[in-house]
Amino acid sequence: MVSVVIPTHNRKAYVKECVLSLLKSTWQDFDVWVVDDASTDGTSDMIQKDLSFDARVHTMRNETSQSLATTRNRGARASQGEYIFFMDDDNVVEETALERLLAYARRRPDTGMIAPLALNTVVGGGDVSATIWTLGATFNWITSRALNLYADKRLDEVENLQEAYPTWYSPNAFMVSRTAYEAVGGCDDFYGIMFDDSDFGLRIYRKGYPCVILSGARVFHRHGVTTQQNAVLRRYGIESPRRAYLFARNRMVFVRRFAPWYGKVSVVCVFAPLLTVFYCALAIRHGEWRCAFGYLRGWLAGMGYMAGIR
């Protein structure tokens, strides 16, 4: 059985659409654990009213807002499935996605993480287009930049599409065996958001579990930006002071935990300062001084100069 864990916060319309898409799956041996992270928009009430017709749908609520990793862990530890499918609430699941994920898991039981292909769906002006988030992810330890295979390409631009692509992590949606989840101790609460998926996937990978993204199992990830300014800052992950802070801090923490010695030297001495100048200048250019200050504080915290790093 698969246990689907969906953390959510103030997105009752999105999470309803997400769960309803799951219930249409061709594979039906699953349950759903929606973990409401202290929403104030009536999310829990909506689930009880509109989704309780299916006994497989369970809801839990954090009375105070927690980190994404904490919320994911709570759902995972309450569930009983042999596999845990973590999914953000702003996804719609293709009907055959679960079936394809499970079929691959049965054929390759040593695999620790199996992720669907996330297609970025941008809705606006009546037009809908979908591009690839990643068909396999690694990191450049010299620059600390993620390397996402075929990012922002359309599927028809990928030649000789393979069934599975090796990866170090998957953002947004990923299924893990409970054995692998327990072997690495679950998600790390420290990160909050930003780099938490990378840390989790890389720890599974370094434990010796293969990790893949399946091109045939798909989810559609929604993007919802309303202005060009927000679109630019969102694209770079710094659309709010909190996200800017965590992005900068967590990048440094991630590098210090996992990078080889030469990567640490390169990032700390060269690329982190350059990226800090770039992101702060970008935020200031768009009139977001608080985001610039947040990024600067995050970089200092990640370097260990301020509180907030363990």
C-alpha atoms as a PDB file:
ATOM      1  CA  MET A   1       0.000   0.000   0.000  1.00  0.00           C
ATOM      2  CA  VAL A   2       1.025   3.605  -0.610  1.00  0.00           C
ATOM      3  CA  SER A   3       0.438   6.390   1.902  1.00  0.00           C
ATOM      4  CA  VAL A   4       0.214   9.797   0.233  1.00  0.00           C
ATOM      5  CA  VAL A   5       1.310  12.648   2.518  1.00  0.00           C
ATOM      6  CA  ILE A   6       0.245  16.169   1.518  1.00  0.00           C
ATOM      7  CA  PRO A   7       1.303  19.135   3.674  1.00  0.00           C
ATOM      8  CA  THR A   8      -0.855  22.206   3.130  1.00  0.00           C
ATOM      9  CA  HIS A   9      -1.228  25.754   4.383  1.00  0.00           C
ATOM     10  CA  ASN A  10      -4.028  28.127   3.344  1.00  0.00           C
ATOM     11  CA  ARG A  11      -4.593  26.489  -0.033  1.00  0.00           C
ATOM     12  CA  LYS A  12      -7.897  24.715   0.433  1.00  0.00           C
ATOM     13  CA  ALA A  13      -8.883  24.994  -3.227  1.00  0.00           C
ATOM     14  CA  TYR A  14      -5.556  23.563  -4.392  1.00  0.00           C
ATOM     15  CA  VAL A  15      -5.465  20.716  -1.875  1.00  0.00           C
ATOM     16  CA  LYS A  16      -9.042  19.744  -2.733  1.00  0.00           C
ATOM     17  CA  GLU A  17      -8.170  19.551  -6.425  1.00  0.00           C
ATOM     18  CA  CYS A  18      -5.025  17.578  -5.569  1.00  0.00           C
ATOM     19  CA  VAL A  19      -6.855  14.971  -3.458  1.00  0.00           C
ATOM     20  CA  LEU A  20      -9.686  14.586  -5.957  1.00  0.00           C
ATOM     21  CA  SER A  21      -7.155  13.889  -8.708  1.00  0.00           C
ATOM     22  CA  LEU A  22      -5.579  11.191  -6.524  1.00  0.00           C
ATOM     23  CA  LEU A  23      -8.942   9.526  -5.953  1.00  0.00           C
ATOM     24  CA  LYS A  24      -9.255   9.045  -9.737  1.00  0.00           C
ATOM     25  CA  SER A  25      -6.039   6.994  -9.846  1.00  0.00           C
ATOM     26  CA  THR A  26      -6.003   3.680 -11.666  1.00  0.00           C
ATOM     27  CA  TRP A  27      -4.147   2.257  -8.633  1.00  0.00           C
ATOM     28  CA  GLN A  28      -6.556   2.298  -5.704  1.00  0.00           C
ATOM     29  CA  ASP A  29      -4.613   0.662  -2.837  1.00  0.00           C
ATOM     30  CA  PHE A  30      -3.592   3.879  -1.086  1.00  0.00           C
ATOM     31  CA  ASP A  31      -4.595   6.259   1.648  1.00  0.00           C
ATOM     32  CA  VAL A  32      -4.145  10.024   1.901  1.00  0.00           C
ATOM     33  CA  TRP A  33      -2.845  11.997   4.881  1.00  0.00           C
ATOM     34  CA  VAL A  34      -3.442  15.723   4.533  1.00  0.00           C
ATOM     35  CA  VAL A  35      -1.494  17.591   7.196  1.00  0.00           C
ATOM     36  CA  ASP A  36      -2.960  21.065   7.682  1.00  0.00           C
ATOM     37  CA  ASP A  37      -0.178  23.345   8.867  1.00  0.00           C
ATOM     38  CA  ALA A  38      -2.264  25.742  10.987  1.00  0.00           C
ATOM     39  CA  SER A  39      -4.289  27.077   8.057  1.00  0.00           C
ATOM     40  CA  THR A  40      -6.642  29.982   8.714  1.00  0.00           C
ATOM     41  CA  ASP A  41      -8.774  29.562   5.578  1.00  0.00           C
ATOM     42  CA  GLY A  42     -10.889  26.644   6.785  1.00  0.00           C
ATOM     43  CA  THR A  43      -8.822  23.915   5.134  1.00  0.00           C
ATOM     44  CA  SER A  44      -9.576  21.254   7.765  1.00  0.00           C
ATOM     45  CA  ASP A  45     -13.303  22.031   7.681  1.00  0.00           C
ATOM     46  CA  MET A  46     -13.304  21.786   3.892  1.00  0.00           C
ATOM     47  CA  ILE A  47     -11.664  18.360   4.027  1.00  0.00           C
ATOM     48  CA  GLN A  48     -14.258  17.105   6.494  1.00  0.00           C
ATOM     49  CA  LYS A  49     -17.100  18.527   4.386  1.00  0.00           C
ATOM     50  CA  ASP A  50     -15.970  17.795   0.848  1.00  0.00           C
ATOM     51  CA  LEU A  51     -13.519  14.886   1.016  1.00  0.00           C
ATOM     52  CA  SER A  52     -14.680  12.723   3.918  1.00  0.00           C
ATOM     53  CA  PHE A  53     -16.884  10.695   1.559  1.00  0.00           C
ATOM     54  CA  ASP A  54     -13.792   8.550   0.978  1.00  0.00           C
ATOM     55  CA  ALA A  55     -12.580   6.749   4.115  1.00  0.00           C
ATOM     56  CA  ARG A  56      -9.018   6.703   2.763  1.00  0.00           C
ATOM     57  CA  VAL A  57      -8.694  10.458   3.256  1.00  0.00           C
ATOM     58  CA  HIS A  58      -7.346  11.430   6.687  1.00  0.00           C
ATOM     59  CA  THR A  59      -6.606  14.892   8.009  1.00  0.00           C
ATOM     60  CA  MET A  60      -4.290  16.115  10.747  1.00  0.00           C
ATOM     61  CA  ARG A  61      -3.727  19.667  11.928  1.00  0.00           C
ATOM     62  CA  ASN A  62      -0.734  21.497  13.366  1.00  0.00           C
ATOM     63  CA  GLU A  63      -2.102  24.003  15.871  1.00  0.00           C
ATOM     64  CA  THR A  64       0.920  26.226  15.248  1.00  0.00           C
ATOM     65  CA  SER A  65       2.747  26.537  11.947  1.00  0.00           C
ATOM     66  CA  GLN A  66       5.655  24.123  11.573  1.00  0.00           C
ATOM     67  CA  SER A  67       8.354  23.590   8.980  1.00  0.00           C
ATOM     68  CA  LEU A  68       7.572  21.686   5.797  1.00  0.00           C
ATOM     69  CA  ALA A  69       9.863  18.849   6.895  1.00  0.00           C
ATOM     70  CA  THR A  70       8.156  18.606  10.298  1.00  0.00           C
ATOM     71  CA  THR A  71       4.750  18.513   8.637  1.00  0.00           C
ATOM     72  CA  ARG A  72       5.860  15.826   6.204  1.00  0.00           C
ATOM     73  CA  ASN A  73       7.328  13.751   9.028  1.00  0.00           C
ATOM     74  CA  ARG A  74       4.120  13.949  11.029  1.00  0.00           C
ATOM     75  CA  GLY A  75       2.090  12.564   8.150  1.00  0.00           C
ATOM     76  CA  ALA A  76       4.647   9.871   7.345  1.00  0.00           C
ATOM     77  CA  ARG A  77       4.815   8.635  10.931  1.00  0.00           C
ATOM     78  CA  ALA A  78       1.040   8.469  11.253  1.00  0.00           C
ATOM     79  CA  SER A  79       0.694   6.453   8.057  1.00  0.00           C
ATOM     80  CA  GLN A  80       1.317   2.743   7.585  1.00  0.00           C
ATOM     81  CA  GLY A  81       2.065   2.372   3.877  1.00  0.00           C
ATOM     82  CA  GLU A  82       5.005   0.362   2.605  1.00  0.00           C
ATOM     83  CA  TYR A  83       5.730   3.370   0.404  1.00  0.00           C
ATOM     84  CA  ILE A  84       5.273   7.050   1.260  1.00  0.00           C
ATOM     85  CA  PHE A  85       4.400   9.445  -1.535  1.00  0.00           C
ATOM     86  CA  PHE A  86       5.169  13.020  -0.476  1.00  0.00           C
ATOM     87  CA  MET A  87       3.429  15.587  -2.612  1.00  0.00           C
ATOM     88  CA  ASP A  88       2.965  19.355  -2.395  1.00  0.00           C
ATOM     89  CA  ASP A  89      -0.621  20.571  -2.393  1.00  0.00           C
ATOM     90  CA  ASP A  90      -0.381  22.525  -5.670  1.00  0.00           C
ATOM     91  CA  ASN A  91      -0.258  19.403  -7.856  1.00  0.00           C
ATOM     92  CA  VAL A  92      -2.746  17.519  -9.969  1.00  0.00           C
ATOM     93  CA  VAL A  93      -1.892  13.828 -10.369  1.00  0.00           C
ATOM     94  CA  GLU A  94      -2.192  12.010 -13.657  1.00  0.00           C
ATOM     95  CA  GLU A  95      -4.454   8.969 -13.294  1.00  0.00           C
ATOM     96  CA  THR A  96      -1.729   6.398 -14.002  1.00  0.00           C
ATOM     97  CA  ALA A  97       1.027   8.051 -11.913  1.00  0.00           C
ATOM     98  CA  LEU A  98       0.649   5.895  -8.785  1.00  0.00           C
ATOM     99  CA  GLU A  99       0.319   2.719 -10.830  1.00  0.00           C
ATOM    100  CA  ARG A 100       3.521   3.481 -12.739  1.00  0.00           C
ATOM    101  CA  LEU A 101       5.449   4.388  -9.588  1.00  0.00           C
ATOM    102  CA  LEU A 102       4.399   1.169  -7.850  1.00  0.00           C
ATOM    103  CA  ALA A 103       5.113  -1.000 -10.897  1.00  0.00           C
ATOM    104  CA  TYR A 104       8.671   0.323 -11.022  1.00  0.00           C
ATOM    105  CA  ALA A 105       9.075  -0.143  -7.261  1.00  0.00           C
ATOM    106  CA  ARG A 106       7.993  -3.787  -7.543  1.00  0.00           C
ATOM    107  CA  ARG A 107      10.492  -4.409 -10.339  1.00  0.00           C
ATOM    108  CA  ARG A 108      13.319  -2.588  -8.533  1.00  0.00           C
ATOM    109  CA  PRO A 109      12.680  -3.134  -4.794  1.00  0.00           C
ATOM    110  CA  ASP A 110      16.124  -1.777  -3.872  1.00  0.00           C
ATOM    111  CA  THR A 111      15.172   1.705  -5.119  1.00  0.00           C
ATOM    112  CA  GLY A 112      14.899   4.222  -2.287  1.00  0.00           C
ATOM    113  CA  MET A 113      13.207   7.107  -4.104  1.00  0.00           C
ATOM    114  CA  ILE A 114      10.999   7.025  -7.196  1.00  0.00           C
ATOM    115  CA  ALA A 115       9.640  10.368  -8.330  1.00  0.00           C
ATOM    116  CA  PRO A 116       7.107  11.290 -10.980  1.00  0.00           C
ATOM    117  CA  LEU A 117       7.997  13.814 -13.621  1.00  0.00           C
ATOM    118  CA  ALA A 118       6.729  17.200 -12.433  1.00  0.00           C
ATOM    119  CA  LEU A 119       5.477  19.368 -15.271  1.00  0.00           C
ATOM    120  CA  ASN A 120       5.259  23.079 -14.504  1.00  0.00           C
ATOM    121  CA  THR A 121       1.846  24.271 -15.587  1.00  0.00           C
ATOM    122  CA  VAL A 122       1.487  28.021 -15.877  1.00  0.00           C
ATOM    123  CA  VAL A 123      -2.101  29.200 -16.155  1.00  0.00           C
ATOM    124  CA  GLY A 124      -2.813  32.716 -17.355  1.00  0.00           C
ATOM    125  CA  GLY A 125      -4.635  34.559 -20.076  1.00  0.00           C
ATOM    126  CA  GLY A 126      -6.423  31.413 -21.178  1.00  0.00           C
ATOM    127  CA  ASP A 127      -3.190  29.705 -22.271  1.00  0.00           C
ATOM    128  CA  VAL A 128      -1.772  26.606 -20.604  1.00  0.00           C
ATOM    129  CA  SER A 129       1.769  25.388 -21.194  1.00  0.00           C
ATOM    130  CA  ALA A 130       3.766  22.706 -19.421  1.00  0.00           C
ATOM    131  CA  THR A 131       7.527  22.510 -19.061  1.00  0.00           C
ATOM    132  CA  ILE A 132       9.787  20.034 -17.293  1.00  0.00           C
ATOM    133  CA  TRP A 133      10.940  20.791 -13.751  1.00  0.00           C
ATOM    134  CA  THR A 134      13.747  18.214 -13.908  1.00  0.00           C
ATOM    135  CA  LEU A 135      14.417  14.787 -15.390  1.00  0.00           C
ATOM    136  CA  GLY A 136      17.309  14.209 -13.020  1.00  0.00           C
ATOM    137  CA  ALA A 137      19.079  16.484 -10.572  1.00  0.00           C
ATOM    138  CA  THR A 138      22.627  16.804  -9.278  1.00  0.00           C
ATOM    139  CA  PHE A 139      24.732  19.656  -7.912  1.00  0.00           C
ATOM    140  CA  ASN A 140      27.753  21.539  -9.117  1.00  0.00           C
ATOM    141  CA  TRP A 141      29.796  21.569  -5.925  1.00  0.00           C
ATOM    142  CA  ILE A 142      32.102  24.252  -7.299  1.00  0.00           C
ATOM    143  CA  THR A 143      29.310  26.810  -7.710  1.00  0.00           C
ATOM    144  CA  SER A 144      26.632  25.323  -5.383  1.00  0.00           C
ATOM    145  CA  ARG A 145      24.091  25.530  -8.202  1.00  0.00           C
ATOM    146  CA  ALA A 146      21.596  22.745  -8.861  1.00  0.00           C
ATOM    147  CA  LEU A 147      21.885  21.013 -12.222  1.00  0.00           C
ATOM    148  CA  ASN A 148      18.401  20.061 -13.429  1.00  0.00           C
ATOM    149  CA  LEU A 149      18.300  17.941 -16.581  1.00  0.00           C
ATOM    150  CA  TYR A 150      16.003  19.373 -19.270  1.00  0.00           C
ATOM    151  CA  ALA A 151      14.699  22.074 -16.921  1.00  0.00           C
ATOM    152  CA  ASP A 152      12.173  24.400 -18.600  1.00  0.00           C
ATOM    153  CA  LYS A 153      12.084  22.273 -21.752  1.00  0.00           C
ATOM    154  CA  ARG A 154       8.907  20.784 -23.198  1.00  0.00           C
ATOM    155  CA  LEU A 155       8.614  17.011 -23.393  1.00  0.00           C
ATOM    156  CA  ASP A 156       8.608  17.123 -27.189  1.00  0.00           C
ATOM    157  CA  GLU A 157      12.061  18.727 -27.006  1.00  0.00           C
ATOM    158  CA  VAL A 158      13.574  15.672 -25.272  1.00  0.00           C
ATOM    159  CA  GLU A 159      15.160  13.232 -27.698  1.00  0.00           C
ATOM    160  CA  ASN A 160      15.062   9.490 -26.923  1.00  0.00           C
ATOM    161  CA  LEU A 161      12.996   9.896 -23.761  1.00  0.00           C
ATOM    162  CA  GLN A 162      14.027   7.220 -21.243  1.00  0.00           C
ATOM    163  CA  GLU A 163      11.820   5.449 -18.716  1.00  0.00           C
ATOM    164  CA  ALA A 164      13.917   6.452 -15.688  1.00  0.00           C
ATOM    165  CA  TYR A 165      16.561   9.090 -15.020  1.00  0.00           C
ATOM    166  CA  PRO A 166      18.970   8.866 -12.068  1.00  0.00           C
ATOM    167  CA  THR A 167      18.655  11.740  -9.609  1.00  0.00           C
ATOM    168  CA  TRP A 168      19.946  12.983  -6.279  1.00  0.00           C
ATOM    169  CA  TYR A 169      16.630  14.474  -5.289  1.00  0.00           C
ATOM    170  CA  SER A 170      13.215  15.450  -6.531  1.00  0.00           C
ATOM    171  CA  PRO A 171      11.381  18.654  -5.656  1.00  0.00           C
ATOM    172  CA  ASN A 172       7.648  18.864  -5.167  1.00  0.00           C
ATOM    173  CA  ALA A 173       6.658  15.153  -5.421  1.00  0.00           C
ATOM    174  CA  PHE A 174       8.539  11.943  -4.611  1.00  0.00           C
ATOM    175  CA  MET A 175       7.803   8.436  -3.371  1.00  0.00           C
ATOM    176  CA  VAL A 176      10.162   6.702  -0.945  1.00  0.00           C
ATOM    177  CA  SER A 177      10.178   3.233   0.519  1.00  0.00           C
ATOM    178  CA  ARG A 178       9.509   3.224   4.244  1.00  0.00           C
ATOM    179  CA  THR A 179      12.769   1.314   4.658  1.00  0.00           C
ATOM    180  CA  ALA A 180      14.741   4.167   3.056  1.00  0.00           C
ATOM    181  CA  TYR A 181      12.768   6.800   4.964  1.00  0.00           C
ATOM    182  CA  GLU A 182      13.580   5.175   8.293  1.00  0.00           C
ATOM    183  CA  ALA A 183      17.198   4.481   7.306  1.00  0.00           C
ATOM    184  CA  VAL A 184      17.904   8.222   7.007  1.00  0.00           C
ATOM    185  CA  GLY A 185      15.699   9.287   9.925  1.00  0.00           C
ATOM    186  CA  GLY A 186      13.100  11.082   7.815  1.00  0.00           C
ATOM    187  CA  CYS A 187      13.177  14.686   6.641  1.00  0.00           C
ATOM    188  CA  ASP A 188      15.415  17.158   8.468  1.00  0.00           C
ATOM    189  CA  ASP A 189      13.319  19.676  10.417  1.00  0.00           C
ATOM    190  CA  PHE A 190      16.124  22.239  10.398  1.00  0.00           C
ATOM    191  CA  TYR A 191      15.706  23.491   6.837  1.00  0.00           C
ATOM    192  CA  GLY A 192      12.117  24.692   7.064  1.00  0.00           C
ATOM    193  CA  ILE A 193      11.815  25.168   3.305  1.00  0.00           C
ATOM    194  CA  MET A 194      14.449  25.396   0.566  1.00  0.00           C
ATOM    195  CA  PHE A 195      17.037  22.596   0.207  1.00  0.00           C
ATOM    196  CA  ASP A 196      15.037  20.260   2.468  1.00  0.00           C
ATOM    197  CA  ASP A 197      14.181  18.037  -0.526  1.00  0.00           C
ATOM    198  CA  SER A 198      17.804  18.112  -1.678  1.00  0.00           C
ATOM    199  CA  ASP A 199      19.094  17.107   1.752  1.00  0.00           C
ATOM    200  CA  PHE A 200      16.564  14.274   2.075  1.00  0.00           C
ATOM    201  CA  GLY A 201      17.206  12.857  -1.389  1.00  0.00           C
ATOM    202  CA  LEU A 202      20.976  13.083  -1.128  1.00  0.00           C
ATOM    203  CA  ARG A 203      20.990  11.298   2.234  1.00  0.00           C
ATOM    204  CA  ILE A 204      18.953   8.458   0.701  1.00  0.00           C
ATOM    205  CA  TYR A 205      21.293   8.348  -2.301  1.00  0.00           C
ATOM    206  CA  ARG A 206      24.403   8.259  -0.115  1.00  0.00           C
ATOM    207  CA  LYS A 207      22.920   5.394   1.898  1.00  0.00           C
ATOM    208  CA  GLY A 208      23.233   3.335  -1.256  1.00  0.00           C
ATOM    209  CA  TYR A 209      19.607   3.464  -2.455  1.00  0.00           C
ATOM    210  CA  PRO A 210      19.114   4.206  -6.155  1.00  0.00           C
ATOM    211  CA  CYS A 211      16.913   7.264  -6.793  1.00  0.00           C
ATOM    212  CA  VAL A 212      15.124   7.907 -10.084  1.00  0.00           C
ATOM    213  CA  ILE A 213      12.574  10.111 -11.829  1.00  0.00           C
ATOM    214  CA  LEU A 214      10.081   8.262 -14.051  1.00  0.00           C
ATOM    215  CA  SER A 215       9.211  10.101 -17.242  1.00  0.00           C
ATOM    216  CA  GLY A 216       5.912   8.253 -17.641  1.00  0.00           C
ATOM    217  CA  ALA A 217       4.537   8.959 -14.159  1.00  0.00           C
ATOM    218  CA  ARG A 218       3.470  12.582 -14.101  1.00  0.00           C
ATOM    219  CA  VAL A 219       2.097  15.300 -11.888  1.00  0.00           C
ATOM    220  CA  PHE A 220       1.150  18.801 -12.985  1.00  0.00           C
ATOM    221  CA  HIS A 221       2.513  21.525 -10.713  1.00  0.00           C
ATOM    222  CA  ARG A 222       0.724  24.849 -10.655  1.00  0.00           C
ATOM    223  CA  HIS A 223       2.447  28.214 -10.593  1.00  0.00           C
ATOM    224  CA  GLY A 224       0.489  31.242  -9.435  1.00  0.00           C
ATOM    225  CA  VAL A 225       2.238  34.581  -9.836  1.00  0.00           C
ATOM    226  CA  THR A 226       0.329  37.748 -10.586  1.00  0.00           C
ATOM    227  CA  THR A 227       2.950  40.340 -11.534  1.00  0.00           C
ATOM    228  CA  GLN A 228       6.132  40.319 -13.542  1.00  0.00           C
ATOM    229  CA  GLN A 229       8.041  41.503 -10.499  1.00  0.00           C
ATOM    230  CA  ASN A 230       6.800  38.599  -8.411  1.00  0.00           C
ATOM    231  CA  ALA A 231       7.492  36.241 -11.298  1.00  0.00           C
ATOM    232  CA  VAL A 232      11.155  37.260 -11.421  1.00  0.00           C
ATOM    233  CA  LEU A 233      11.754  37.017  -7.694  1.00  0.00           C
ATOM    234  CA  ARG A 234       9.758  33.799  -7.425  1.00  0.00           C
ATOM    235  CA  ARG A 235      11.841  32.239 -10.176  1.00  0.00           C
ATOM    236  CA  TYR A 236      14.956  32.901  -8.116  1.00  0.00           C
ATOM    237  CA  GLY A 237      13.373  31.794  -4.838  1.00  0.00           C
ATOM    238  CA  ILE A 238      13.526  35.169  -3.072  1.00  0.00           C
ATOM    239  CA  GLU A 239       9.958  36.479  -3.379  1.00  0.00           C
ATOM    240  CA  SER A 240       9.652  37.084   0.386  1.00  0.00           C
ATOM    241  CA  PRO A 241      12.141  38.038   3.126  1.00  0.00           C
ATOM    242  CA  ARG A 242      11.676  34.678   4.839  1.00  0.00           C
ATOM    243  CA  ARG A 243      12.263  32.655   1.680  1.00  0.00           C
ATOM    244  CA  ALA A 244      15.271  34.791   0.785  1.00  0.00           C
ATOM    245  CA  TYR A 245      16.739  34.218   4.256  1.00  0.00           C
ATOM    246  CA  LEU A 246      16.173  30.458   4.170  1.00  0.00           C
ATOM    247  CA  PHE A 247      17.425  30.132   0.600  1.00  0.00           C
ATOM    248  CA  ALA A 248      20.734  31.784   1.447  1.00  0.00           C
ATOM    249  CA  ARG A 249      21.159  30.093   4.824  1.00  0.00           C
ATOM    250  CA  ASN A 250      20.185  26.622   3.674  1.00  0.00           C
ATOM    251  CA  ARG A 251      22.400  26.759   0.598  1.00  0.00           C
ATOM    252  CA  MET A 252      25.414  27.307   2.858  1.00  0.00           C
ATOM    253  CA  VAL A 253      24.329  24.635   5.338  1.00  0.00           C
ATOM    254  CA  PHE A 254      23.793  22.130   2.533  1.00  0.00           C
ATOM    255  CA  VAL A 255      27.226  22.830   1.042  1.00  0.00           C
ATOM    256  CA  ARG A 256      28.938  22.614   4.415  1.00  0.00           C
ATOM    257  CA  ARG A 257      27.260  19.267   5.127  1.00  0.00           C
ATOM    258  CA  PHE A 258      27.783  17.487   1.813  1.00  0.00           C
ATOM    259  CA  ALA A 259      30.294  19.173  -0.490  1.00  0.00           C
ATOM    260  CA  PRO A 260      33.833  17.805  -0.906  1.00  0.00           C
ATOM    261  CA  TRP A 261      36.557  19.954   0.606  1.00  0.00           C
ATOM    262  CA  TYR A 262      37.330  21.733  -2.664  1.00  0.00           C
ATOM    263  CA  GLY A 263      33.645  22.565  -3.105  1.00  0.00           C
ATOM    264  CA  LYS A 264      33.472  24.096   0.356  1.00  0.00           C
ATOM    265  CA  VAL A 265      36.508  26.260  -0.402  1.00  0.00           C
ATOM    266  CA  SER A 266      35.131  27.328  -3.788  1.00  0.00           C
ATOM    267  CA  VAL A 267      31.662  28.180  -2.514  1.00  0.00           C
ATOM    268  CA  VAL A 268      32.678  29.868   0.737  1.00  0.00           C
ATOM    269  CA  CYS A 269      35.496  31.938  -0.752  1.00  0.00           C
ATOM    270  CA  VAL A 270      34.162  32.754  -4.211  1.00  0.00           C
ATOM    271  CA  PHE A 271      30.676  31.798  -5.306  1.00  0.00           C
ATOM    272  CA  ALA A 272      28.638  32.427  -2.151  1.00  0.00           C
ATOM    273  CA  PRO A 273      29.800  36.073  -1.924  1.00  0.00           C
ATOM    274  CA  LEU A 274      29.177  36.562  -5.646  1.00  0.00           C
ATOM    275  CA  LEU A 275      25.697  35.026  -5.412  1.00  0.00           C
ATOM    276  CA  THR A 276      24.910  37.183  -2.396  1.00  0.00           C
ATOM    277  CA  VAL A 277      25.751  40.322  -4.372  1.00  0.00           C
ATOM    278  CA  PHE A 278      23.668  39.072  -7.315  1.00  0.00           C
ATOM    279  CA  TYR A 279      20.552  38.171  -5.313  1.00  0.00           C
ATOM    280  CA  CYS A 280      20.651  41.300  -3.177  1.00  0.00           C
ATOM    281  CA  ALA A 281      21.071  43.485  -6.258  1.00  0.00           C
ATOM    282  CA  LEU A 282      18.189  41.667  -7.966  1.00  0.00           C
ATOM    283  CA  ALA A 283      15.887  42.206  -5.001  1.00  0.00           C
ATOM    284  CA  ILE A 284      16.834  45.880  -4.701  1.00  0.00           C
ATOM    285  CA  ARG A 285      16.308  46.380  -8.435  1.00  0.00           C
ATOM    286  CA  HIS A 286      12.718  45.207  -7.962  1.00  0.00           C
ATOM    287  CA  GLY A 287      12.196  47.416  -4.931  1.00  0.00           C
ATOM    288  CA  GLU A 288      12.349  44.583  -2.379  1.00  0.00           C
ATOM    289  CA  TRP A 289      14.890  45.848   0.125  1.00  0.00           C
ATOM    290  CA  ARG A 290      13.563  43.494   2.809  1.00  0.00           C
ATOM    291  CA  CYS A 291      14.266  40.497   0.581  1.00  0.00           C
ATOM    292  CA  ALA A 292      17.794  41.758  -0.020  1.00  0.00           C
ATOM    293  CA  PHE A 293      18.340  42.155   3.722  1.00  0.00           C
ATOM    294  CA  GLY A 294      16.844  38.703   4.325  1.00  0.00           C
ATOM    295  CA  TYR A 295      19.237  37.108   1.847  1.00  0.00           C
ATOM    296  CA  LEU A 296      22.224  38.871   3.406  1.00  0.00           C
ATOM    297  CA  ARG A 297      21.220  37.716   6.888  1.00  0.00           C
ATOM    298  CA  GLY A 298      20.725  34.181   5.601  1.00  0.00           C
ATOM    299  CA  TRP A 299      24.159  34.070   4.019  1.00  0.00           C
ATOM    300  CA  LEU A 300      25.770  35.238   7.267  1.00  0.00           C
ATOM    301  CA  ALA A 301      23.761  32.691   9.262  1.00  0.00           C
ATOM    302  CA  GLY A 302      24.776  29.913   6.900  1.00  0.00           C
ATOM    303  CA  MET A 303      28.394  30.910   7.274  1.00  0.00           C
ATOM    304  CA  GLY A 304      28.010  30.587  11.028  1.00  0.00           C
ATOM    305  CA  TYR A 305      28.340  34.279  11.811  1.00  0.00           C
ATOM    306  CA  MET A 306      24.784  34.593  13.128  1.00  0.00           C
ATOM    307  CA  ALA A 307      22.419  32.475  15.171  1.00  0.00           C
ATOM    308  CA  GLY A 308      20.357  29.936  13.321  1.00  0.00           C
ATOM    309  CA  ILE A 309      22.854  27.276  12.244  1.00  0.00           C
ATOM    310  CA  ARG A 310      23.591  24.079  14.087  1.00  0.00           C
END
